[in-house]
Amino acid sequence: MSKRKTILWLGILVALLPFLGLPSSWKTAIFFVSGILIAWNSFQLNKHRQAKRIKQERKRKEEIISAPISQPSQPVIITPPPAEANQTSPENREIPGSHTG
């Protein structure tokens, strides 16, 4: 039986146990064993899921490392924007709001 189904059935047992008419000592023992089994199965599920995630991350890293590095077909040349013809030099530029005369 899978771990998930085991957890499901133990949960159903724990939910129905108070209504079964069993002696108190039996209920206590069944609750204890059920709790231990639920905790153990949950731990195993988490451990399995974490191992699967690590395996997928390693596979993805290997794919990235082994992937060929593509080079651009032509070099990329970055040119500065053209200067405007009517732009004045910073010394001659008038600052808005400061009128001298």
PDB file of N, CA and C in Angstrom:
ATOM      1  N   MET A   1       0.860  -1.177   0.000  1.00  0.00           N
ATOM      2  CA  MET A   1       0.000   0.000   0.000  1.00  0.00           C
ATOM      3  C   MET A   1       0.903   1.235   0.000  1.00  0.00           C
ATOM      4  N   SER A   2       0.511   2.239  -0.746  1.00  0.00           N
ATOM      5  CA  SER A   2       1.323   3.448  -0.831  1.00  0.00           C
ATOM      6  C   SER A   2       1.266   4.218   0.492  1.00  0.00           C
ATOM      7  N   LYS A   3       2.240   5.069   0.673  1.00  0.00           N
ATOM      8  CA  LYS A   3       2.323   5.849   1.912  1.00  0.00           C
ATOM      9  C   LYS A   3       1.128   6.788   2.055  1.00  0.00           C
ATOM     10  N   ARG A   4       0.697   7.342   0.950  1.00  0.00           N
ATOM     11  CA  ARG A   4      -0.456   8.257   1.014  1.00  0.00           C
ATOM     12  C   ARG A   4      -1.731   7.519   1.409  1.00  0.00           C
ATOM     13  N   LYS A   5      -1.926   6.332   0.856  1.00  0.00           N
ATOM     14  CA  LYS A   5      -3.121   5.557   1.219  1.00  0.00           C
ATOM     15  C   LYS A   5      -3.050   5.115   2.667  1.00  0.00           C
ATOM     16  N   THR A   6      -1.859   4.770   3.135  1.00  0.00           N
ATOM     17  CA  THR A   6      -1.699   4.378   4.532  1.00  0.00           C
ATOM     18  C   THR A   6      -2.077   5.531   5.450  1.00  0.00           C
ATOM     19  N   ILE A   7      -1.615   6.731   5.127  1.00  0.00           N
ATOM     20  CA  ILE A   7      -1.963   7.906   5.936  1.00  0.00           C
ATOM     21  C   ILE A   7      -3.467   8.149   5.900  1.00  0.00           C
ATOM     22  N   LEU A   8      -4.074   7.993   4.728  1.00  0.00           N
ATOM     23  CA  LEU A   8      -5.525   8.179   4.598  1.00  0.00           C
ATOM     24  C   LEU A   8      -6.278   7.197   5.486  1.00  0.00           C
ATOM     25  N   TRP A   9      -5.945   5.919   5.417  1.00  0.00           N
ATOM     26  CA  TRP A   9      -6.665   4.905   6.189  1.00  0.00           C
ATOM     27  C   TRP A   9      -6.423   5.052   7.688  1.00  0.00           C
ATOM     28  N   LEU A  10      -5.214   5.424   8.071  1.00  0.00           N
ATOM     29  CA  LEU A  10      -4.963   5.661   9.493  1.00  0.00           C
ATOM     30  C   LEU A  10      -5.765   6.867   9.992  1.00  0.00           C
ATOM     31  N   GLY A  11      -5.897   7.878   9.156  1.00  0.00           N
ATOM     32  CA  GLY A  11      -6.710   9.036   9.524  1.00  0.00           C
ATOM     33  C   GLY A  11      -8.174   8.658   9.703  1.00  0.00           C
ATOM     34  N   ILE A  12      -8.679   7.813   8.814  1.00  0.00           N
ATOM     35  CA  ILE A  12     -10.068   7.354   8.940  1.00  0.00           C
ATOM     36  C   ILE A  12     -10.239   6.540  10.221  1.00  0.00           C
ATOM     37  N   LEU A  13      -9.256   5.665  10.515  1.00  0.00           N
ATOM     38  CA  LEU A  13      -9.307   4.870  11.747  1.00  0.00           C
ATOM     39  C   LEU A  13      -9.324   5.764  12.976  1.00  0.00           C
ATOM     40  N   VAL A  14      -8.479   6.774  12.987  1.00  0.00           N
ATOM     41  CA  VAL A  14      -8.430   7.695  14.130  1.00  0.00           C
ATOM     42  C   VAL A  14      -9.747   8.448  14.264  1.00  0.00           C
ATOM     43  N   ALA A  15     -10.357   8.812  13.144  1.00  0.00           N
ATOM     44  CA  ALA A  15     -11.635   9.537  13.191  1.00  0.00           C
ATOM     45  C   ALA A  15     -12.770   8.650  13.707  1.00  0.00           C
ATOM     46  N   LEU A  16     -12.754   7.366  13.364  1.00  0.00           N
ATOM     47  CA  LEU A  16     -13.849   6.464  13.756  1.00  0.00           C
ATOM     48  C   LEU A  16     -13.620   5.783  15.110  1.00  0.00           C
ATOM     49  N   LEU A  17     -12.404   5.779  15.594  1.00  0.00           N
ATOM     50  CA  LEU A  17     -12.060   5.043  16.804  1.00  0.00           C
ATOM     51  C   LEU A  17     -12.916   5.388  18.028  1.00  0.00           C
ATOM     52  N   PRO A  18     -13.250   6.653  18.274  1.00  0.00           N
ATOM     53  CA  PRO A  18     -14.077   6.947  19.461  1.00  0.00           C
ATOM     54  C   PRO A  18     -15.475   6.324  19.399  1.00  0.00           C
ATOM     55  N   PHE A  19     -15.941   5.983  18.209  1.00  0.00           N
ATOM     56  CA  PHE A  19     -17.311   5.475  18.057  1.00  0.00           C
ATOM     57  C   PHE A  19     -17.379   3.950  17.961  1.00  0.00           C
ATOM     58  N   LEU A  20     -16.265   3.250  18.091  1.00  0.00           N
ATOM     59  CA  LEU A  20     -16.243   1.802  17.914  1.00  0.00           C
ATOM     60  C   LEU A  20     -16.575   1.027  19.191  1.00  0.00           C
ATOM     61  N   GLY A  21     -16.625   1.676  20.320  1.00  0.00           N
ATOM     62  CA  GLY A  21     -16.989   1.009  21.563  1.00  0.00           C
ATOM     63  C   GLY A  21     -15.880   0.141  22.133  1.00  0.00           C
ATOM     64  N   LEU A  22     -14.642   0.470  21.842  1.00  0.00           N
ATOM     65  CA  LEU A  22     -13.518  -0.298  22.368  1.00  0.00           C
ATOM     66  C   LEU A  22     -13.154   0.199  23.772  1.00  0.00           C
ATOM     67  N   PRO A  23     -12.530  -0.655  24.573  1.00  0.00           N
ATOM     68  CA  PRO A  23     -12.075  -0.204  25.901  1.00  0.00           C
ATOM     69  C   PRO A  23     -11.060   0.936  25.771  1.00  0.00           C
ATOM     70  N   SER A  24     -10.980   1.740  26.813  1.00  0.00           N
ATOM     71  CA  SER A  24     -10.135   2.922  26.803  1.00  0.00           C
ATOM     72  C   SER A  24      -8.664   2.591  26.577  1.00  0.00           C
ATOM     73  N   SER A  25      -8.173   1.527  27.161  1.00  0.00           N
ATOM     74  CA  SER A  25      -6.762   1.159  27.003  1.00  0.00           C
ATOM     75  C   SER A  25      -6.469   0.761  25.554  1.00  0.00           C
ATOM     76  N   TRP A  26      -7.411   0.105  24.892  1.00  0.00           N
ATOM     77  CA  TRP A  26      -7.225  -0.268  23.481  1.00  0.00           C
ATOM     78  C   TRP A  26      -7.170   1.001  22.613  1.00  0.00           C
ATOM     79  N   LYS A  27      -8.107   1.915  22.896  1.00  0.00           N
ATOM     80  CA  LYS A  27      -8.143   3.163  22.123  1.00  0.00           C
ATOM     81  C   LYS A  27      -6.815   3.920  22.260  1.00  0.00           C
ATOM     82  N   THR A  28      -6.327   3.981  23.496  1.00  0.00           N
ATOM     83  CA  THR A  28      -5.073   4.682  23.733  1.00  0.00           C
ATOM     84  C   THR A  28      -3.944   4.036  22.942  1.00  0.00           C
ATOM     85  N   ALA A  29      -3.871   2.728  22.950  1.00  0.00           N
ATOM     86  CA  ALA A  29      -2.814   2.013  22.233  1.00  0.00           C
ATOM     87  C   ALA A  29      -2.960   2.218  20.726  1.00  0.00           C
ATOM     88  N   ILE A  30      -4.177   2.150  20.213  1.00  0.00           N
ATOM     89  CA  ILE A  30      -4.399   2.324  18.765  1.00  0.00           C
ATOM     90  C   ILE A  30      -4.089   3.758  18.347  1.00  0.00           C
ATOM     91  N   PHE A  31      -4.492   4.740  19.173  1.00  0.00           N
ATOM     92  CA  PHE A  31      -4.155   6.137  18.874  1.00  0.00           C
ATOM     93  C   PHE A  31      -2.642   6.324  18.828  1.00  0.00           C
ATOM     94  N   PHE A  32      -1.932   5.747  19.792  1.00  0.00           N
ATOM     95  CA  PHE A  32      -0.481   5.878  19.856  1.00  0.00           C
ATOM     96  C   PHE A  32       0.180   5.266  18.620  1.00  0.00           C
ATOM     97  N   VAL A  33      -0.187   4.038  18.280  1.00  0.00           N
ATOM     98  CA  VAL A  33       0.408   3.357  17.124  1.00  0.00           C
ATOM     99  C   VAL A  33       0.051   4.091  15.832  1.00  0.00           C
ATOM    100  N   SER A  34      -1.191   4.528  15.718  1.00  0.00           N
ATOM    101  CA  SER A  34      -1.609   5.268  14.517  1.00  0.00           C
ATOM    102  C   SER A  34      -0.828   6.567  14.373  1.00  0.00           C
ATOM    103  N   GLY A  35      -0.642   7.274  15.465  1.00  0.00           N
ATOM    104  CA  GLY A  35       0.123   8.521  15.429  1.00  0.00           C
ATOM    105  C   GLY A  35       1.560   8.300  15.001  1.00  0.00           C
ATOM    106  N   ILE A  36       2.182   7.253  15.538  1.00  0.00           N
ATOM    107  CA  ILE A  36       3.556   6.923  15.148  1.00  0.00           C
ATOM    108  C   ILE A  36       3.613   6.585  13.660  1.00  0.00           C
ATOM    109  N   LEU A  37       2.681   5.778  13.172  1.00  0.00           N
ATOM    110  CA  LEU A  37       2.680   5.391  11.759  1.00  0.00           C
ATOM    111  C   LEU A  37       2.409   6.580  10.836  1.00  0.00           C
ATOM    112  N   ILE A  38       1.511   7.457  11.225  1.00  0.00           N
ATOM    113  CA  ILE A  38       1.239   8.658  10.415  1.00  0.00           C
ATOM    114  C   ILE A  38       2.489   9.534  10.354  1.00  0.00           C
ATOM    115  N   ALA A  39       3.129   9.750  11.487  1.00  0.00           N
ATOM    116  CA  ALA A  39       4.334  10.579  11.512  1.00  0.00           C
ATOM    117  C   ALA A  39       5.443   9.942  10.670  1.00  0.00           C
ATOM    118  N   TRP A  40       5.646   8.642  10.802  1.00  0.00           N
ATOM    119  CA  TRP A  40       6.708   7.960  10.053  1.00  0.00           C
ATOM    120  C   TRP A  40       6.443   8.025   8.540  1.00  0.00           C
ATOM    121  N   ASN A  41       5.197   7.744   8.136  1.00  0.00           N
ATOM    122  CA  ASN A  41       4.863   7.805   6.706  1.00  0.00           C
ATOM    123  C   ASN A  41       4.987   9.222   6.162  1.00  0.00           C
ATOM    124  N   SER A  42       4.610  10.215   6.932  1.00  0.00           N
ATOM    125  CA  SER A  42       4.747  11.605   6.495  1.00  0.00           C
ATOM    126  C   SER A  42       6.220  11.963   6.315  1.00  0.00           C
ATOM    127  N   PHE A  43       7.049  11.521   7.250  1.00  0.00           N
ATOM    128  CA  PHE A  43       8.487  11.768   7.144  1.00  0.00           C
ATOM    129  C   PHE A  43       9.056  11.117   5.889  1.00  0.00           C
ATOM    130  N   GLN A  44       8.650   9.874   5.613  1.00  0.00           N
ATOM    131  CA  GLN A  44       9.133   9.164   4.433  1.00  0.00           C
ATOM    132  C   GLN A  44       8.683   9.844   3.142  1.00  0.00           C
ATOM    133  N   LEU A  45       7.450  10.317   3.122  1.00  0.00           N
ATOM    134  CA  LEU A  45       6.963  11.050   1.941  1.00  0.00           C
ATOM    135  C   LEU A  45       7.780  12.309   1.703  1.00  0.00           C
ATOM    136  N   ASN A  46       8.042  13.057   2.767  1.00  0.00           N
ATOM    137  CA  ASN A  46       8.814  14.291   2.652  1.00  0.00           C
ATOM    138  C   ASN A  46      10.240  13.991   2.199  1.00  0.00           C
ATOM    139  N   LYS A  47      10.827  12.948   2.751  1.00  0.00           N
ATOM    140  CA  LYS A  47      12.192  12.551   2.384  1.00  0.00           C
ATOM    141  C   LYS A  47      12.253  12.167   0.903  1.00  0.00           C
ATOM    142  N   HIS A  48      11.279  11.414   0.443  1.00  0.00           N
ATOM    143  CA  HIS A  48      11.226  11.003  -0.960  1.00  0.00           C
ATOM    144  C   HIS A  48      11.050  12.211  -1.877  1.00  0.00           C
ATOM    145  N   ARG A  49      10.176  13.125  -1.502  1.00  0.00           N
ATOM    146  CA  ARG A  49       9.918  14.319  -2.310  1.00  0.00           C
ATOM    147  C   ARG A  49      11.167  15.202  -2.385  1.00  0.00           C
ATOM    148  N   GLN A  50      11.877  15.331  -1.268  1.00  0.00           N
ATOM    149  CA  GLN A  50      13.075  16.152  -1.242  1.00  0.00           C
ATOM    150  C   GLN A  50      14.176  15.522  -2.100  1.00  0.00           C
ATOM    151  N   ALA A  51      14.328  14.198  -2.041  1.00  0.00           N
ATOM    152  CA  ALA A  51      15.334  13.524  -2.865  1.00  0.00           C
ATOM    153  C   ALA A  51      15.010  13.688  -4.351  1.00  0.00           C
ATOM    154  N   LYS A  52      13.748  13.624  -4.695  1.00  0.00           N
ATOM    155  CA  LYS A  52      13.323  13.803  -6.085  1.00  0.00           C
ATOM    156  C   LYS A  52      13.626  15.221  -6.564  1.00  0.00           C
ATOM    157  N   ARG A  53      13.392  16.223  -5.697  1.00  0.00           N
ATOM    158  CA  ARG A  53      13.661  17.609  -6.057  1.00  0.00           C
ATOM    159  C   ARG A  53      15.154  17.831  -6.275  1.00  0.00           C
ATOM    160  N   ILE A  54      15.987  17.266  -5.407  1.00  0.00           N
ATOM    161  CA  ILE A  54      17.436  17.406  -5.549  1.00  0.00           C
ATOM    162  C   ILE A  54      17.904  16.763  -6.840  1.00  0.00           C
ATOM    163  N   LYS A  55      17.357  15.607  -7.175  1.00  0.00           N
ATOM    164  CA  LYS A  55      17.726  14.911  -8.407  1.00  0.00           C
ATOM    165  C   LYS A  55      17.367  15.760  -9.634  1.00  0.00           C
ATOM    166  N   GLN A  56      16.196  16.395  -9.612  1.00  0.00           N
ATOM    167  CA  GLN A  56      15.783  17.250 -10.728  1.00  0.00           C
ATOM    168  C   GLN A  56      16.685  18.471 -10.842  1.00  0.00           C
ATOM    169  N   GLU A  57      17.087  19.058  -9.706  1.00  0.00           N
ATOM    170  CA  GLU A  57      17.980  20.219  -9.748  1.00  0.00           C
ATOM    171  C   GLU A  57      19.341  19.839 -10.329  1.00  0.00           C
ATOM    172  N   ARG A  58      19.869  18.692  -9.944  1.00  0.00           N
ATOM    173  CA  ARG A  58      21.149  18.238 -10.488  1.00  0.00           C
ATOM    174  C   ARG A  58      21.054  18.020 -11.992  1.00  0.00           C
ATOM    175  N   LYS A  59      19.962  17.417 -12.427  1.00  0.00           N
ATOM    176  CA  LYS A  59      19.775  17.165 -13.854  1.00  0.00           C
ATOM    177  C   LYS A  59      19.710  18.484 -14.618  1.00  0.00           C
ATOM    178  N   ARG A  60      19.002  19.467 -14.061  1.00  0.00           N
ATOM    179  CA  ARG A  60      18.880  20.769 -14.720  1.00  0.00           C
ATOM    180  C   ARG A  60      20.243  21.468 -14.785  1.00  0.00           C
ATOM    181  N   LYS A  61      21.036  21.385 -13.704  1.00  0.00           N
ATOM    182  CA  LYS A  61      22.364  21.999 -13.710  1.00  0.00           C
ATOM    183  C   LYS A  61      23.264  21.332 -14.735  1.00  0.00           C
ATOM    184  N   GLU A  62      23.184  20.002 -14.845  1.00  0.00           N
ATOM    185  CA  GLU A  62      23.989  19.289 -15.835  1.00  0.00           C
ATOM    186  C   GLU A  62      23.600  19.695 -17.252  1.00  0.00           C
ATOM    187  N   GLU A  63      22.312  19.902 -17.487  1.00  0.00           N
ATOM    188  CA  GLU A  63      21.858  20.338 -18.812  1.00  0.00           C
ATOM    189  C   GLU A  63      22.399  21.723 -19.126  1.00  0.00           C
ATOM    190  N   ILE A  64      22.417  22.603 -18.120  1.00  0.00           N
ATOM    191  CA  ILE A  64      22.920  23.960 -18.336  1.00  0.00           C
ATOM    192  C   ILE A  64      24.416  23.928 -18.613  1.00  0.00           C
ATOM    193  N   ILE A  65      25.143  23.120 -17.845  1.00  0.00           N
ATOM    194  CA  ILE A  65      26.596  23.046 -18.012  1.00  0.00           C
ATOM    195  C   ILE A  65      26.965  22.430 -19.356  1.00  0.00           C
ATOM    196  N   SER A  66      26.245  21.406 -19.771  1.00  0.00           N
ATOM    197  CA  SER A  66      26.591  20.714 -21.008  1.00  0.00           C
ATOM    198  C   SER A  66      26.030  21.395 -22.261  1.00  0.00           C
ATOM    199  N   ALA A  67      25.203  22.409 -22.080  1.00  0.00           N
ATOM    200  CA  ALA A  67      24.625  23.097 -23.235  1.00  0.00           C
ATOM    201  C   ALA A  67      25.717  23.894 -23.956  1.00  0.00           C
ATOM    202  N   PRO A  68      25.726  23.871 -25.292  1.00  0.00           N
ATOM    203  CA  PRO A  68      26.742  24.622 -26.028  1.00  0.00           C
ATOM    204  C   PRO A  68      26.526  26.123 -25.855  1.00  0.00           C
ATOM    205  N   ILE A  69      27.622  26.828 -25.784  1.00  0.00           N
ATOM    206  CA  ILE A  69      27.550  28.284 -25.643  1.00  0.00           C
ATOM    207  C   ILE A  69      27.458  28.877 -27.036  1.00  0.00           C
ATOM    208  N   SER A  70      26.419  29.636 -27.272  1.00  0.00           N
ATOM    209  CA  SER A  70      26.238  30.223 -28.598  1.00  0.00           C
ATOM    210  C   SER A  70      26.927  31.581 -28.650  1.00  0.00           C
ATOM    211  N   GLN A  71      27.592  31.828 -29.754  1.00  0.00           N
ATOM    212  CA  GLN A  71      28.271  33.102 -29.981  1.00  0.00           C
ATOM    213  C   GLN A  71      27.460  33.895 -30.994  1.00  0.00           C
ATOM    214  N   PRO A  72      27.387  35.211 -30.817  1.00  0.00           N
ATOM    215  CA  PRO A  72      26.671  36.006 -31.824  1.00  0.00           C
ATOM    216  C   PRO A  72      27.401  35.920 -33.166  1.00  0.00           C
ATOM    217  N   SER A  73      26.626  35.927 -34.230  1.00  0.00           N
ATOM    218  CA  SER A  73      27.212  35.791 -35.562  1.00  0.00           C
ATOM    219  C   SER A  73      28.035  37.024 -35.951  1.00  0.00           C
ATOM    220  N   GLN A  74      27.649  38.185 -35.493  1.00  0.00           N
ATOM    221  CA  GLN A  74      28.387  39.415 -35.774  1.00  0.00           C
ATOM    222  C   GLN A  74      28.618  40.148 -34.464  1.00  0.00           C
ATOM    223  N   PRO A  75      29.727  40.862 -34.361  1.00  0.00           N
ATOM    224  CA  PRO A  75      29.963  41.598 -33.118  1.00  0.00           C
ATOM    225  C   PRO A  75      28.933  42.711 -32.944  1.00  0.00           C
ATOM    226  N   VAL A  76      28.597  42.966 -31.720  1.00  0.00           N
ATOM    227  CA  VAL A  76      27.636  44.016 -31.409  1.00  0.00           C
ATOM    228  C   VAL A  76      28.410  45.296 -31.133  1.00  0.00           C
ATOM    229  N   ILE A  77      28.108  46.333 -31.894  1.00  0.00           N
ATOM    230  CA  ILE A  77      28.787  47.612 -31.751  1.00  0.00           C
ATOM    231  C   ILE A  77      27.792  48.607 -31.189  1.00  0.00           C
ATOM    232  N   ILE A  78      28.142  49.186 -30.073  1.00  0.00           N
ATOM    233  CA  ILE A  78      27.271  50.171 -29.442  1.00  0.00           C
ATOM    234  C   ILE A  78      27.841  51.545 -29.756  1.00  0.00           C
ATOM    235  N   THR A  79      27.013  52.366 -30.398  1.00  0.00           N
ATOM    236  CA  THR A  79      27.454  53.719 -30.765  1.00  0.00           C
ATOM    237  C   THR A  79      26.723  54.727 -29.902  1.00  0.00           C
ATOM    238  N   PRO A  80      27.388  55.830 -29.552  1.00  0.00           N
ATOM    239  CA  PRO A  80      26.717  56.855 -28.756  1.00  0.00           C
ATOM    240  C   PRO A  80      25.654  57.541 -29.604  1.00  0.00           C
ATOM    241  N   PRO A  81      24.642  58.096 -28.968  1.00  0.00           N
ATOM    242  CA  PRO A  81      23.605  58.789 -29.738  1.00  0.00           C
ATOM    243  C   PRO A  81      24.189  60.029 -30.400  1.00  0.00           C
ATOM    244  N   PRO A  82      23.641  60.420 -31.559  1.00  0.00           N
ATOM    245  CA  PRO A  82      24.171  61.602 -32.256  1.00  0.00           C
ATOM    246  C   PRO A  82      23.882  62.869 -31.453  1.00  0.00           C
ATOM    247  N   ALA A  83      24.852  63.795 -31.480  1.00  0.00           N
ATOM    248  CA  ALA A  83      24.681  65.069 -30.778  1.00  0.00           C
ATOM    249  C   ALA A  83      23.784  65.967 -31.613  1.00  0.00           C
ATOM    250  N   GLU A  84      22.933  66.719 -30.943  1.00  0.00           N
ATOM    251  CA  GLU A  84      22.034  67.617 -31.667  1.00  0.00           C
ATOM    252  C   GLU A  84      22.812  68.867 -32.081  1.00  0.00           C
ATOM    253  N   ALA A  85      22.501  69.388 -33.245  1.00  0.00           N
ATOM    254  CA  ALA A  85      23.236  70.531 -33.805  1.00  0.00           C
ATOM    255  C   ALA A  85      22.966  71.811 -33.026  1.00  0.00           C
ATOM    256  N   ASN A  86      21.771  71.989 -32.487  1.00  0.00           N
ATOM    257  CA  ASN A  86      21.428  73.235 -31.830  1.00  0.00           C
ATOM    258  C   ASN A  86      21.697  73.195 -30.324  1.00  0.00           C
ATOM    259  N   GLN A  87      22.348  72.179 -29.839  1.00  0.00           N
ATOM    260  CA  GLN A  87      22.612  72.068 -28.410  1.00  0.00           C
ATOM    261  C   GLN A  87      23.778  72.991 -28.051  1.00  0.00           C
ATOM    262  N   THR A  88      23.609  73.738 -27.016  1.00  0.00           N
ATOM    263  CA  THR A  88      24.657  74.664 -26.588  1.00  0.00           C
ATOM    264  C   THR A  88      25.554  73.985 -25.578  1.00  0.00           C
ATOM    265  N   SER A  89      26.728  74.551 -25.396  1.00  0.00           N
ATOM    266  CA  SER A  89      27.661  73.978 -24.442  1.00  0.00           C
ATOM    267  C   SER A  89      27.140  74.209 -23.026  1.00  0.00           C
ATOM    268  N   PRO A  90      27.570  73.408 -22.048  1.00  0.00           N
ATOM    269  CA  PRO A  90      27.049  73.554 -20.677  1.00  0.00           C
ATOM    270  C   PRO A  90      27.337  74.913 -20.066  1.00  0.00           C
ATOM    271  N   GLU A  91      28.428  75.591 -20.495  1.00  0.00           N
ATOM    272  CA  GLU A  91      28.743  76.895 -19.922  1.00  0.00           C
ATOM    273  C   GLU A  91      27.763  77.960 -20.393  1.00  0.00           C
ATOM    274  N   ASN A  92      27.275  77.866 -21.621  1.00  0.00           N
ATOM    275  CA  ASN A  92      26.397  78.876 -22.205  1.00  0.00           C
ATOM    276  C   ASN A  92      24.917  78.562 -21.983  1.00  0.00           C
ATOM    277  N   ARG A  93      24.618  77.424 -21.408  1.00  0.00           N
ATOM    278  CA  ARG A  93      23.220  77.030 -21.240  1.00  0.00           C
ATOM    279  C   ARG A  93      22.594  77.829 -20.113  1.00  0.00           C
ATOM    280  N   GLU A  94      21.375  78.334 -20.356  1.00  0.00           N
ATOM    281  CA  GLU A  94      20.684  79.119 -19.341  1.00  0.00           C
ATOM    282  C   GLU A  94      19.919  78.187 -18.428  1.00  0.00           C
ATOM    283  N   ILE A  95      20.016  78.407 -17.150  1.00  0.00           N
ATOM    284  CA  ILE A  95      19.323  77.592 -16.150  1.00  0.00           C
ATOM    285  C   ILE A  95      17.943  78.198 -15.954  1.00  0.00           C
ATOM    286  N   PRO A  96      16.894  77.401 -16.093  1.00  0.00           N
ATOM    287  CA  PRO A  96      15.535  77.930 -15.935  1.00  0.00           C
ATOM    288  C   PRO A  96      15.325  78.489 -14.527  1.00  0.00           C
ATOM    289  N   GLY A  97      14.692  79.614 -14.451  1.00  0.00           N
ATOM    290  CA  GLY A  97      14.376  80.235 -13.173  1.00  0.00           C
ATOM    291  C   GLY A  97      15.435  81.171 -12.662  1.00  0.00           C
ATOM    292  N   SER A  98      16.579  81.260 -13.327  1.00  0.00           N
ATOM    293  CA  SER A  98      17.633  82.181 -12.867  1.00  0.00           C
ATOM    294  C   SER A  98      17.873  83.218 -13.955  1.00  0.00           C
ATOM    295  N   HIS A  99      17.230  84.324 -13.838  1.00  0.00           N
ATOM    296  CA  HIS A  99      17.369  85.414 -14.791  1.00  0.00           C
ATOM    297  C   HIS A  99      18.349  86.430 -14.215  1.00  0.00           C
ATOM    298  N   THR A 100      19.332  86.794 -14.995  1.00  0.00           N
ATOM    299  CA  THR A 100      20.356  87.729 -14.510  1.00  0.00           C
ATOM    300  C   THR A 100      20.179  89.131 -15.087  1.00  0.00           C
ATOM    301  N   GLY A 101      19.175  89.359 -15.701  1.00  0.00           N
ATOM    302  CA  GLY A 101      19.211  90.680 -16.212  1.00  0.00           C
ATOM    303  C   GLY A 101      18.057  91.250 -16.804  1.00  0.00           C
TER     304      GLY A 101
END
